[in-house]
PDB file of all heavy atoms in Angstrom:
ATOM      1  N   ARG A   1      16.889 -41.467  -9.731  1.00  0.00           N
ATOM      2  CA  ARG A   1      18.185 -40.835 -10.154  1.00  0.00           C
ATOM      3  C   ARG A   1      17.896 -39.647 -11.118  1.00  0.00           C
ATOM      4  O   ARG A   1      17.188 -39.870 -12.182  1.00  0.00           O
ATOM      5  CB  ARG A   1      19.119 -41.907 -10.768  1.00  0.00           C
ATOM      6  CG  ARG A   1      20.439 -41.315 -11.147  1.00  0.00           C
ATOM      7  CD  ARG A   1      21.374 -42.451 -11.642  1.00  0.00           C
ATOM      8  NE  ARG A   1      22.737 -42.008 -11.931  1.00  0.00           N
ATOM      9  CZ  ARG A   1      23.694 -41.837 -11.061  1.00  0.00           C
ATOM     10  NH1 ARG A   1      23.465 -42.148  -9.814  1.00  0.00           N
ATOM     11  NH2 ARG A   1      24.877 -41.405 -11.354  1.00  0.00           N
ATOM     12  N   GLY A   2      18.387 -38.499 -10.802  1.00  0.00           N
ATOM     13  CA  GLY A   2      18.173 -37.308 -11.680  1.00  0.00           C
ATOM     14  C   GLY A   2      16.960 -36.514 -11.259  1.00  0.00           C
ATOM     15  O   GLY A   2      16.826 -35.400 -11.638  1.00  0.00           O
ATOM     16  N   TYR A   3      16.094 -37.079 -10.409  1.00  0.00           N
ATOM     17  CA  TYR A   3      14.910 -36.310 -10.038  1.00  0.00           C
ATOM     18  C   TYR A   3      15.260 -35.063  -9.161  1.00  0.00           C
ATOM     19  O   TYR A   3      14.674 -34.071  -9.293  1.00  0.00           O
ATOM     20  CB  TYR A   3      13.892 -37.185  -9.284  1.00  0.00           C
ATOM     21  CG  TYR A   3      12.685 -36.559  -8.812  1.00  0.00           C
ATOM     22  CD1 TYR A   3      11.682 -36.082  -9.720  1.00  0.00           C
ATOM     23  CD2 TYR A   3      12.480 -36.270  -7.492  1.00  0.00           C
ATOM     24  CE1 TYR A   3      10.555 -35.445  -9.262  1.00  0.00           C
ATOM     25  CE2 TYR A   3      11.408 -35.592  -7.024  1.00  0.00           C
ATOM     26  CZ  TYR A   3      10.449 -35.220  -7.937  1.00  0.00           C
ATOM     27  OH  TYR A   3       9.277 -34.517  -7.468  1.00  0.00           O
ATOM     28  N   GLY A   4      16.233 -35.283  -8.270  1.00  0.00           N
ATOM     29  CA  GLY A   4      16.539 -34.240  -7.332  1.00  0.00           C
ATOM     30  C   GLY A   4      17.171 -33.029  -8.142  1.00  0.00           C
ATOM     31  O   GLY A   4      16.750 -31.873  -7.875  1.00  0.00           O
ATOM     32  N   GLU A   5      17.996 -33.265  -9.116  1.00  0.00           N
ATOM     33  CA  GLU A   5      18.534 -32.221  -9.900  1.00  0.00           C
ATOM     34  C   GLU A   5      17.411 -31.517 -10.758  1.00  0.00           C
ATOM     35  O   GLU A   5      17.474 -30.277 -10.896  1.00  0.00           O
ATOM     36  CB  GLU A   5      19.610 -32.764 -10.836  1.00  0.00           C
ATOM     37  CG  GLU A   5      20.878 -33.343 -10.083  1.00  0.00           C
ATOM     38  CD  GLU A   5      21.895 -33.872 -11.107  1.00  0.00           C
ATOM     39  OE1 GLU A   5      22.030 -33.191 -12.135  1.00  0.00           O
ATOM     40  OE2 GLU A   5      22.481 -34.898 -10.736  1.00  0.00           O
ATOM     41  N   GLN A   6      16.506 -32.279 -11.251  1.00  0.00           N
ATOM     42  CA  GLN A   6      15.357 -31.776 -12.022  1.00  0.00           C
ATOM     43  C   GLN A   6      14.548 -30.849 -11.144  1.00  0.00           C
ATOM     44  O   GLN A   6      14.096 -29.774 -11.496  1.00  0.00           O
ATOM     45  CB  GLN A   6      14.547 -32.875 -12.631  1.00  0.00           C
ATOM     46  CG  GLN A   6      13.396 -32.383 -13.443  1.00  0.00           C
ATOM     47  CD  GLN A   6      12.384 -33.458 -13.799  1.00  0.00           C
ATOM     48  OE1 GLN A   6      11.373 -33.694 -13.179  1.00  0.00           O
ATOM     49  NE2 GLN A   6      12.717 -34.261 -14.819  1.00  0.00           N
ATOM     50  N   LEU A   7      14.361 -31.342  -9.875  1.00  0.00           N
ATOM     51  CA  LEU A   7      13.526 -30.518  -8.916  1.00  0.00           C
ATOM     52  C   LEU A   7      14.156 -29.144  -8.686  1.00  0.00           C
ATOM     53  O   LEU A   7      13.380 -28.185  -8.581  1.00  0.00           O
ATOM     54  CB  LEU A   7      13.417 -31.328  -7.661  1.00  0.00           C
ATOM     55  CG  LEU A   7      12.387 -30.867  -6.571  1.00  0.00           C
ATOM     56  CD1 LEU A   7      10.988 -30.963  -7.068  1.00  0.00           C
ATOM     57  CD2 LEU A   7      12.584 -31.565  -5.275  1.00  0.00           C
ATOM     58  N   LEU A   8      15.445 -29.093  -8.484  1.00  0.00           N
ATOM     59  CA  LEU A   8      16.191 -27.836  -8.156  1.00  0.00           C
ATOM     60  C   LEU A   8      16.102 -26.906  -9.359  1.00  0.00           C
ATOM     61  O   LEU A   8      16.240 -25.649  -9.220  1.00  0.00           O
ATOM     62  CB  LEU A   8      17.582 -28.124  -7.821  1.00  0.00           C
ATOM     63  CG  LEU A   8      17.821 -28.894  -6.529  1.00  0.00           C
ATOM     64  CD1 LEU A   8      19.323 -28.901  -6.197  1.00  0.00           C
ATOM     65  CD2 LEU A   8      17.025 -28.315  -5.358  1.00  0.00           C
ATOM     66  N   ARG A   9      15.872 -27.392 -10.559  1.00  0.00           N
ATOM     67  CA  ARG A   9      15.747 -26.455 -11.703  1.00  0.00           C
ATOM     68  C   ARG A   9      14.424 -25.756 -11.840  1.00  0.00           C
ATOM     69  O   ARG A   9      14.259 -24.746 -12.560  1.00  0.00           O
ATOM     70  CB  ARG A   9      16.004 -27.258 -13.066  1.00  0.00           C
ATOM     71  CG  ARG A   9      17.488 -27.666 -13.237  1.00  0.00           C
ATOM     72  CD  ARG A   9      17.853 -28.031 -14.580  1.00  0.00           C
ATOM     73  NE  ARG A   9      17.123 -29.368 -15.038  1.00  0.00           N
ATOM     74  CZ  ARG A   9      17.596 -30.504 -14.886  1.00  0.00           C
ATOM     75  NH1 ARG A   9      18.811 -30.643 -14.405  1.00  0.00           N
ATOM     76  NH2 ARG A   9      16.960 -31.613 -15.184  1.00  0.00           N
ATOM     77  N   ARG A  10      13.444 -26.309 -11.052  1.00  0.00           N
ATOM     78  CA  ARG A  10      12.104 -25.616 -11.043  1.00  0.00           C
ATOM     79  C   ARG A  10      12.104 -24.415 -10.083  1.00  0.00           C
ATOM     80  O   ARG A  10      12.837 -24.451  -9.088  1.00  0.00           O
ATOM     81  CB  ARG A  10      11.072 -26.637 -10.620  1.00  0.00           C
ATOM     82  CG  ARG A  10      10.961 -27.926 -11.442  1.00  0.00           C
ATOM     83  CD  ARG A  10       9.935 -28.821 -10.824  1.00  0.00           C
ATOM     84  NE  ARG A  10       9.972 -30.202 -11.312  1.00  0.00           N
ATOM     85  CZ  ARG A  10       9.292 -31.220 -10.789  1.00  0.00           C
ATOM     86  NH1 ARG A  10       8.468 -30.969  -9.761  1.00  0.00           N
ATOM     87  NH2 ARG A  10       9.341 -32.389 -11.356  1.00  0.00           N
ATOM     88  N   PRO A  11      11.303 -23.504 -10.351  1.00  0.00           N
ATOM     89  CA  PRO A  11      11.060 -22.390  -9.368  1.00  0.00           C
ATOM     90  C   PRO A  11      10.536 -22.950  -8.091  1.00  0.00           C
ATOM     91  O   PRO A  11       9.672 -23.838  -8.036  1.00  0.00           O
ATOM     92  CB  PRO A  11      10.101 -21.358 -10.026  1.00  0.00           C
ATOM     93  CG  PRO A  11      10.142 -21.684 -11.450  1.00  0.00           C
ATOM     94  CD  PRO A  11      10.533 -23.264 -11.598  1.00  0.00           C
ATOM     95  N   ALA A  12      10.999 -22.484  -6.936  1.00  0.00           N
ATOM     96  CA  ALA A  12      10.461 -22.874  -5.655  1.00  0.00           C
ATOM     97  C   ALA A  12       8.942 -22.475  -5.493  1.00  0.00           C
ATOM     98  O   ALA A  12       8.700 -21.253  -5.686  1.00  0.00           O
ATOM     99  CB  ALA A  12      11.308 -22.328  -4.512  1.00  0.00           C
ATOM    100  N   PRO A  13       8.033 -23.365  -5.293  1.00  0.00           N
ATOM    101  CA  PRO A  13       6.654 -22.928  -5.150  1.00  0.00           C
ATOM    102  C   PRO A  13       6.525 -22.092  -3.823  1.00  0.00           C
ATOM    103  O   PRO A  13       7.228 -22.251  -2.907  1.00  0.00           O
ATOM    104  CB  PRO A  13       5.921 -24.286  -5.039  1.00  0.00           C
ATOM    105  CG  PRO A  13       6.970 -25.246  -4.573  1.00  0.00           C
ATOM    106  CD  PRO A  13       8.233 -24.811  -5.052  1.00  0.00           C
ATOM    107  N   ALA A  14       5.459 -21.250  -3.840  1.00  0.00           N
ATOM    108  CA  ALA A  14       5.220 -20.453  -2.696  1.00  0.00           C
ATOM    109  C   ALA A  14       3.732 -20.293  -2.473  1.00  0.00           C
ATOM    110  O   ALA A  14       2.942 -20.221  -3.474  1.00  0.00           O
ATOM    111  CB  ALA A  14       5.840 -19.043  -2.863  1.00  0.00           C
ATOM    112  N   PRO A  15       3.287 -20.244  -1.162  1.00  0.00           N
ATOM    113  CA  PRO A  15       1.813 -20.147  -0.916  1.00  0.00           C
ATOM    114  C   PRO A  15       1.415 -18.637  -1.141  1.00  0.00           C
ATOM    115  O   PRO A  15       2.238 -17.804  -1.426  1.00  0.00           O
ATOM    116  CB  PRO A  15       1.771 -20.530   0.537  1.00  0.00           C
ATOM    117  CG  PRO A  15       3.073 -20.188   1.103  1.00  0.00           C
ATOM    118  CD  PRO A  15       4.067 -20.351  -0.003  1.00  0.00           C
ATOM    119  N   GLN A  16       0.133 -18.421  -1.003  1.00  0.00           N
ATOM    120  CA  GLN A  16      -0.413 -17.081  -1.160  1.00  0.00           C
ATOM    121  C   GLN A  16       0.120 -16.197  -0.007  1.00  0.00           C
ATOM    122  O   GLN A  16       0.290 -16.735   1.141  1.00  0.00           O
ATOM    123  CB  GLN A  16      -1.918 -17.005  -1.056  1.00  0.00           C
ATOM    124  CG  GLN A  16      -2.525 -17.771  -2.330  1.00  0.00           C
ATOM    125  CD  GLN A  16      -4.109 -17.740  -2.209  1.00  0.00           C
ATOM    126  OE1 GLN A  16      -4.644 -17.501  -1.166  1.00  0.00           O
ATOM    127  NE2 GLN A  16      -4.704 -18.060  -3.325  1.00  0.00           N
ATOM    128  N   ASP A  17       0.378 -14.920  -0.261  1.00  0.00           N
ATOM    129  CA  ASP A  17       0.991 -14.075   0.773  1.00  0.00           C
ATOM    130  C   ASP A  17       0.054 -13.989   2.063  1.00  0.00           C
ATOM    131  O   ASP A  17       0.543 -13.973   3.130  1.00  0.00           O
ATOM    132  CB  ASP A  17       1.044 -12.621   0.176  1.00  0.00           C
ATOM    133  CG  ASP A  17       2.157 -12.540  -0.820  1.00  0.00           C
ATOM    134  OD1 ASP A  17       2.918 -13.508  -0.982  1.00  0.00           O
ATOM    135  OD2 ASP A  17       2.346 -11.516  -1.527  1.00  0.00           O
ATOM    136  N   GLU A  18      -1.257 -13.986   1.877  1.00  0.00           N
ATOM    137  CA  GLU A  18      -2.148 -13.855   3.045  1.00  0.00           C
ATOM    138  C   GLU A  18      -1.982 -15.072   3.948  1.00  0.00           C
ATOM    139  O   GLU A  18      -1.870 -14.909   5.183  1.00  0.00           O
ATOM    140  CB  GLU A  18      -3.594 -13.788   2.505  1.00  0.00           C
ATOM    141  CG  GLU A  18      -4.584 -13.554   3.742  1.00  0.00           C
ATOM    142  CD  GLU A  18      -6.050 -13.522   3.199  1.00  0.00           C
ATOM    143  OE1 GLU A  18      -6.198 -13.374   2.003  1.00  0.00           O
ATOM    144  OE2 GLU A  18      -6.936 -13.525   3.963  1.00  0.00           O
ATOM    145  N   ARG A  19      -1.907 -16.267   3.422  1.00  0.00           N
ATOM    146  CA  ARG A  19      -1.722 -17.461   4.255  1.00  0.00           C
ATOM    147  C   ARG A  19      -0.314 -17.433   4.875  1.00  0.00           C
ATOM    148  O   ARG A  19      -0.203 -17.842   6.011  1.00  0.00           O
ATOM    149  CB  ARG A  19      -1.864 -18.726   3.410  1.00  0.00           C
ATOM    150  CG  ARG A  19      -3.272 -18.968   2.938  1.00  0.00           C
ATOM    151  CD  ARG A  19      -3.359 -20.225   2.020  1.00  0.00           C
ATOM    152  NE  ARG A  19      -2.834 -21.357   2.792  1.00  0.00           N
ATOM    153  CZ  ARG A  19      -2.078 -22.288   2.296  1.00  0.00           C
ATOM    154  NH1 ARG A  19      -1.563 -22.132   1.085  1.00  0.00           N
ATOM    155  NH2 ARG A  19      -1.684 -23.317   3.141  1.00  0.00           N
ATOM    156  N   LEU A  20       0.634 -16.989   4.172  1.00  0.00           N
ATOM    157  CA  LEU A  20       2.021 -17.023   4.633  1.00  0.00           C
ATOM    158  C   LEU A  20       2.131 -15.972   5.753  1.00  0.00           C
ATOM    159  O   LEU A  20       2.859 -16.269   6.821  1.00  0.00           O
ATOM    160  CB  LEU A  20       2.991 -16.640   3.461  1.00  0.00           C
ATOM    161  CG  LEU A  20       4.450 -16.889   3.710  1.00  0.00           C
ATOM    162  CD1 LEU A  20       4.748 -18.274   4.066  1.00  0.00           C
ATOM    163  CD2 LEU A  20       5.232 -16.516   2.405  1.00  0.00           C
ATOM    164  N   LEU A  21       1.537 -14.826   5.674  1.00  0.00           N
ATOM    165  CA  LEU A  21       1.593 -13.852   6.734  1.00  0.00           C
ATOM    166  C   LEU A  21       0.957 -14.334   8.017  1.00  0.00           C
ATOM    167  O   LEU A  21       1.420 -14.103   9.119  1.00  0.00           O
ATOM    168  CB  LEU A  21       0.941 -12.557   6.273  1.00  0.00           C
ATOM    169  CG  LEU A  21       1.732 -11.720   5.230  1.00  0.00           C
ATOM    170  CD1 LEU A  21       0.861 -10.704   4.581  1.00  0.00           C
ATOM    171  CD2 LEU A  21       2.965 -11.087   5.916  1.00  0.00           C
ATOM    172  N   GLU A  22      -0.223 -15.086   7.841  1.00  0.00           N
ATOM    173  CA  GLU A  22      -0.854 -15.700   8.983  1.00  0.00           C
ATOM    174  C   GLU A  22       0.107 -16.657   9.730  1.00  0.00           C
ATOM    175  O   GLU A  22       0.139 -16.670  10.991  1.00  0.00           O
ATOM    176  CB  GLU A  22      -2.130 -16.380   8.612  1.00  0.00           C
ATOM    177  CG  GLU A  22      -3.219 -15.409   8.098  1.00  0.00           C
ATOM    178  CD  GLU A  22      -4.430 -16.121   7.682  1.00  0.00           C
ATOM    179  OE1 GLU A  22      -4.389 -17.367   7.499  1.00  0.00           O
ATOM    180  OE2 GLU A  22      -5.426 -15.464   7.278  1.00  0.00           O
ATOM    181  N   ALA A  23       0.851 -17.427   8.938  1.00  0.00           N
ATOM    182  CA  ALA A  23       1.734 -18.405   9.495  1.00  0.00           C
ATOM    183  C   ALA A  23       2.889 -17.755  10.205  1.00  0.00           C
ATOM    184  O   ALA A  23       3.363 -18.120  11.283  1.00  0.00           O
ATOM    185  CB  ALA A  23       2.280 -19.340   8.361  1.00  0.00           C
ATOM    186  N   PHE A  24       3.446 -16.618   9.643  1.00  0.00           N
ATOM    187  CA  PHE A  24       4.526 -15.947  10.244  1.00  0.00           C
ATOM    188  C   PHE A  24       4.067 -15.402  11.578  1.00  0.00           C
ATOM    189  O   PHE A  24       4.852 -15.320  12.601  1.00  0.00           O
ATOM    190  CB  PHE A  24       4.955 -14.724   9.371  1.00  0.00           C
ATOM    191  CG  PHE A  24       5.938 -15.179   8.278  1.00  0.00           C
ATOM    192  CD1 PHE A  24       5.651 -14.770   6.920  1.00  0.00           C
ATOM    193  CD2 PHE A  24       7.024 -15.948   8.588  1.00  0.00           C
ATOM    194  CE1 PHE A  24       6.587 -15.208   5.955  1.00  0.00           C
ATOM    195  CE2 PHE A  24       7.936 -16.335   7.579  1.00  0.00           C
ATOM    196  CZ  PHE A  24       7.680 -15.958   6.251  1.00  0.00           C
ATOM    197  N   GLU A  25       2.834 -14.844  11.610  1.00  0.00           N
ATOM    198  CA  GLU A  25       2.354 -14.309  12.937  1.00  0.00           C
ATOM    199  C   GLU A  25       2.138 -15.355  13.981  1.00  0.00           C
ATOM    200  O   GLU A  25       2.521 -15.150  15.113  1.00  0.00           O
ATOM    201  CB  GLU A  25       0.921 -13.619  12.668  1.00  0.00           C
ATOM    202  CG  GLU A  25       0.404 -12.923  13.891  1.00  0.00           C
ATOM    203  CD  GLU A  25      -0.806 -12.058  13.572  1.00  0.00           C
ATOM    204  OE1 GLU A  25      -1.353 -12.194  12.448  1.00  0.00           O
ATOM    205  OE2 GLU A  25      -1.176 -11.280  14.457  1.00  0.00           O
ATOM    206  N   ARG A  26       1.708 -16.579  13.538  1.00  0.00           N
ATOM    207  CA  ARG A  26       1.501 -17.660  14.479  1.00  0.00           C
ATOM    208  C   ARG A  26       2.894 -18.095  15.083  1.00  0.00           C
ATOM    209  O   ARG A  26       2.961 -18.468  16.247  1.00  0.00           O
ATOM    210  CB  ARG A  26       0.781 -18.833  13.859  1.00  0.00           C
ATOM    211  CG  ARG A  26      -0.672 -18.658  13.618  1.00  0.00           C
ATOM    212  CD  ARG A  26      -1.314 -20.065  13.317  1.00  0.00           C
ATOM    213  NE  ARG A  26      -0.631 -20.738  12.268  1.00  0.00           N
ATOM    214  CZ  ARG A  26      -0.906 -20.661  10.970  1.00  0.00           C
ATOM    215  NH1 ARG A  26      -1.934 -19.800  10.606  1.00  0.00           N
ATOM    216  NH2 ARG A  26      -0.356 -21.319  10.025  1.00  0.00           N
ATOM    217  N   LYS A  27       3.876 -18.161  14.216  1.00  0.00           N
ATOM    218  CA  LYS A  27       5.193 -18.596  14.640  1.00  0.00           C
ATOM    219  C   LYS A  27       6.024 -17.551  15.298  1.00  0.00           C
ATOM    220  O   LYS A  27       7.132 -17.845  15.811  1.00  0.00           O
ATOM    221  CB  LYS A  27       5.937 -19.141  13.406  1.00  0.00           C
ATOM    222  CG  LYS A  27       5.258 -20.291  12.638  1.00  0.00           C
ATOM    223  CD  LYS A  27       5.219 -21.565  13.445  1.00  0.00           C
ATOM    224  CE  LYS A  27       4.654 -22.682  12.597  1.00  0.00           C
ATOM    225  NZ  LYS A  27       4.609 -23.953  13.345  1.00  0.00           N
ATOM    226  N   GLY A  28       5.581 -16.286  15.255  1.00  0.00           N
ATOM    227  CA  GLY A  28       6.303 -15.251  15.930  1.00  0.00           C
ATOM    228  C   GLY A  28       7.513 -14.879  15.123  1.00  0.00           C
ATOM    229  O   GLY A  28       8.654 -14.587  15.676  1.00  0.00           O
ATOM    230  N   ILE A  29       7.410 -14.743  13.740  1.00  0.00           N
ATOM    231  CA  ILE A  29       8.518 -14.464  12.866  1.00  0.00           C
ATOM    232  C   ILE A  29       8.181 -13.338  12.028  1.00  0.00           C
ATOM    233  O   ILE A  29       7.159 -13.238  11.436  1.00  0.00           O
ATOM    234  CB  ILE A  29       8.918 -15.636  11.994  1.00  0.00           C
ATOM    235  CG1 ILE A  29       9.270 -16.885  12.859  1.00  0.00           C
ATOM    236  CG2 ILE A  29      10.031 -15.324  11.073  1.00  0.00           C
ATOM    237  CD1 ILE A  29       9.426 -18.140  12.066  1.00  0.00           C
ATOM    238  N   SER A  30       9.053 -12.315  11.920  1.00  0.00           N
ATOM    239  CA  SER A  30       8.907 -11.180  11.006  1.00  0.00           C
ATOM    240  C   SER A  30       9.007 -11.607   9.507  1.00  0.00           C
ATOM    241  O   SER A  30       9.862 -12.484   9.182  1.00  0.00           O
ATOM    242  CB  SER A  30       9.992 -10.125  11.246  1.00  0.00           C
ATOM    243  OG  SER A  30       9.911  -9.136  10.222  1.00  0.00           O
ATOM    244  N   SER A  31       8.125 -11.155   8.658  1.00  0.00           N
ATOM    245  CA  SER A  31       8.073 -11.602   7.284  1.00  0.00           C
ATOM    246  C   SER A  31       9.053 -10.745   6.389  1.00  0.00           C
ATOM    247  O   SER A  31       9.373 -11.176   5.207  1.00  0.00           O
ATOM    248  CB  SER A  31       6.725 -11.436   6.671  1.00  0.00           C
ATOM    249  OG  SER A  31       6.215 -10.117   6.765  1.00  0.00           O
ATOM    250  N   THR A  32       9.541  -9.629   6.877  1.00  0.00           N
ATOM    251  CA  THR A  32      10.412  -8.772   6.094  1.00  0.00           C
ATOM    252  C   THR A  32      11.721  -9.373   5.644  1.00  0.00           C
ATOM    253  O   THR A  32      12.097  -9.333   4.462  1.00  0.00           O
ATOM    254  CB  THR A  32      10.617  -7.430   6.866  1.00  0.00           C
ATOM    255  OG1 THR A  32       9.415  -6.767   7.022  1.00  0.00           O
ATOM    256  CG2 THR A  32      11.567  -6.533   5.974  1.00  0.00           C
ATOM    257  N   PRO A  33      12.501 -10.092   6.536  1.00  0.00           N
ATOM    258  CA  PRO A  33      13.695 -10.740   6.078  1.00  0.00           C
ATOM    259  C   PRO A  33      13.482 -11.783   5.000  1.00  0.00           C
ATOM    260  O   PRO A  33      14.253 -11.873   4.031  1.00  0.00           O
ATOM    261  CB  PRO A  33      14.235 -11.390   7.324  1.00  0.00           C
ATOM    262  CG  PRO A  33      13.657 -10.619   8.460  1.00  0.00           C
ATOM    263  CD  PRO A  33      12.281 -10.167   7.998  1.00  0.00           C
ATOM    264  N   TYR A  34      12.360 -12.504   5.120  1.00  0.00           N
ATOM    265  CA  TYR A  34      12.038 -13.514   3.994  1.00  0.00           C
ATOM    266  C   TYR A  34      11.708 -12.729   2.707  1.00  0.00           C
ATOM    267  O   TYR A  34      12.254 -13.119   1.642  1.00  0.00           O
ATOM    268  CB  TYR A  34      10.838 -14.299   4.467  1.00  0.00           C
ATOM    269  CG  TYR A  34      10.206 -15.066   3.295  1.00  0.00           C
ATOM    270  CD1 TYR A  34      10.807 -16.275   2.786  1.00  0.00           C
ATOM    271  CD2 TYR A  34       9.005 -14.635   2.794  1.00  0.00           C
ATOM    272  CE1 TYR A  34      10.140 -16.956   1.779  1.00  0.00           C
ATOM    273  CE2 TYR A  34       8.408 -15.350   1.775  1.00  0.00           C
ATOM    274  CZ  TYR A  34       8.969 -16.507   1.256  1.00  0.00           C
ATOM    275  OH  TYR A  34       8.384 -17.216   0.260  1.00  0.00           O
ATOM    276  N   ALA A  35      10.962 -11.682   2.738  1.00  0.00           N
ATOM    277  CA  ALA A  35      10.587 -10.880   1.601  1.00  0.00           C
ATOM    278  C   ALA A  35      11.844 -10.333   0.923  1.00  0.00           C
ATOM    279  O   ALA A  35      12.094 -10.351  -0.280  1.00  0.00           O
ATOM    280  CB  ALA A  35       9.616  -9.849   1.926  1.00  0.00           C
ATOM    281  N   ARG A  36      12.778  -9.736   1.748  1.00  0.00           N
ATOM    282  CA  ARG A  36      13.960  -9.096   1.211  1.00  0.00           C
ATOM    283  C   ARG A  36      14.945 -10.147   0.629  1.00  0.00           C
ATOM    284  O   ARG A  36      15.696  -9.847  -0.315  1.00  0.00           O
ATOM    285  CB  ARG A  36      14.742  -8.387   2.330  1.00  0.00           C
ATOM    286  CG  ARG A  36      14.042  -7.190   2.827  1.00  0.00           C
ATOM    287  CD  ARG A  36      13.986  -6.063   1.827  1.00  0.00           C
ATOM    288  NE  ARG A  36      13.320  -4.843   2.350  1.00  0.00           N
ATOM    289  CZ  ARG A  36      13.085  -3.828   1.640  1.00  0.00           C
ATOM    290  NH1 ARG A  36      13.367  -3.754   0.374  1.00  0.00           N
ATOM    291  NH2 ARG A  36      12.556  -2.678   2.243  1.00  0.00           N
ATOM    292  N   SER A  37      14.895 -11.452   1.146  1.00  0.00           N
ATOM    293  CA  SER A  37      15.720 -12.509   0.425  1.00  0.00           C
ATOM    294  C   SER A  37      15.217 -12.854  -0.926  1.00  0.00           C
ATOM    295  O   SER A  37      16.004 -13.358  -1.743  1.00  0.00           O
ATOM    296  CB  SER A  37      15.827 -13.652   1.381  1.00  0.00           C
ATOM    297  OG  SER A  37      14.506 -14.392   1.343  1.00  0.00           O
TER     298      SER A  37
END
């Protein structure tokens, strides 16, 4: 109880850009919409 609310107050973790771009390419997804968000 209370853990979920505490979790949302933390910044969302993100992987390194290089790894993320490789994943986008494998999945066939453009990275620009994510970046602009």
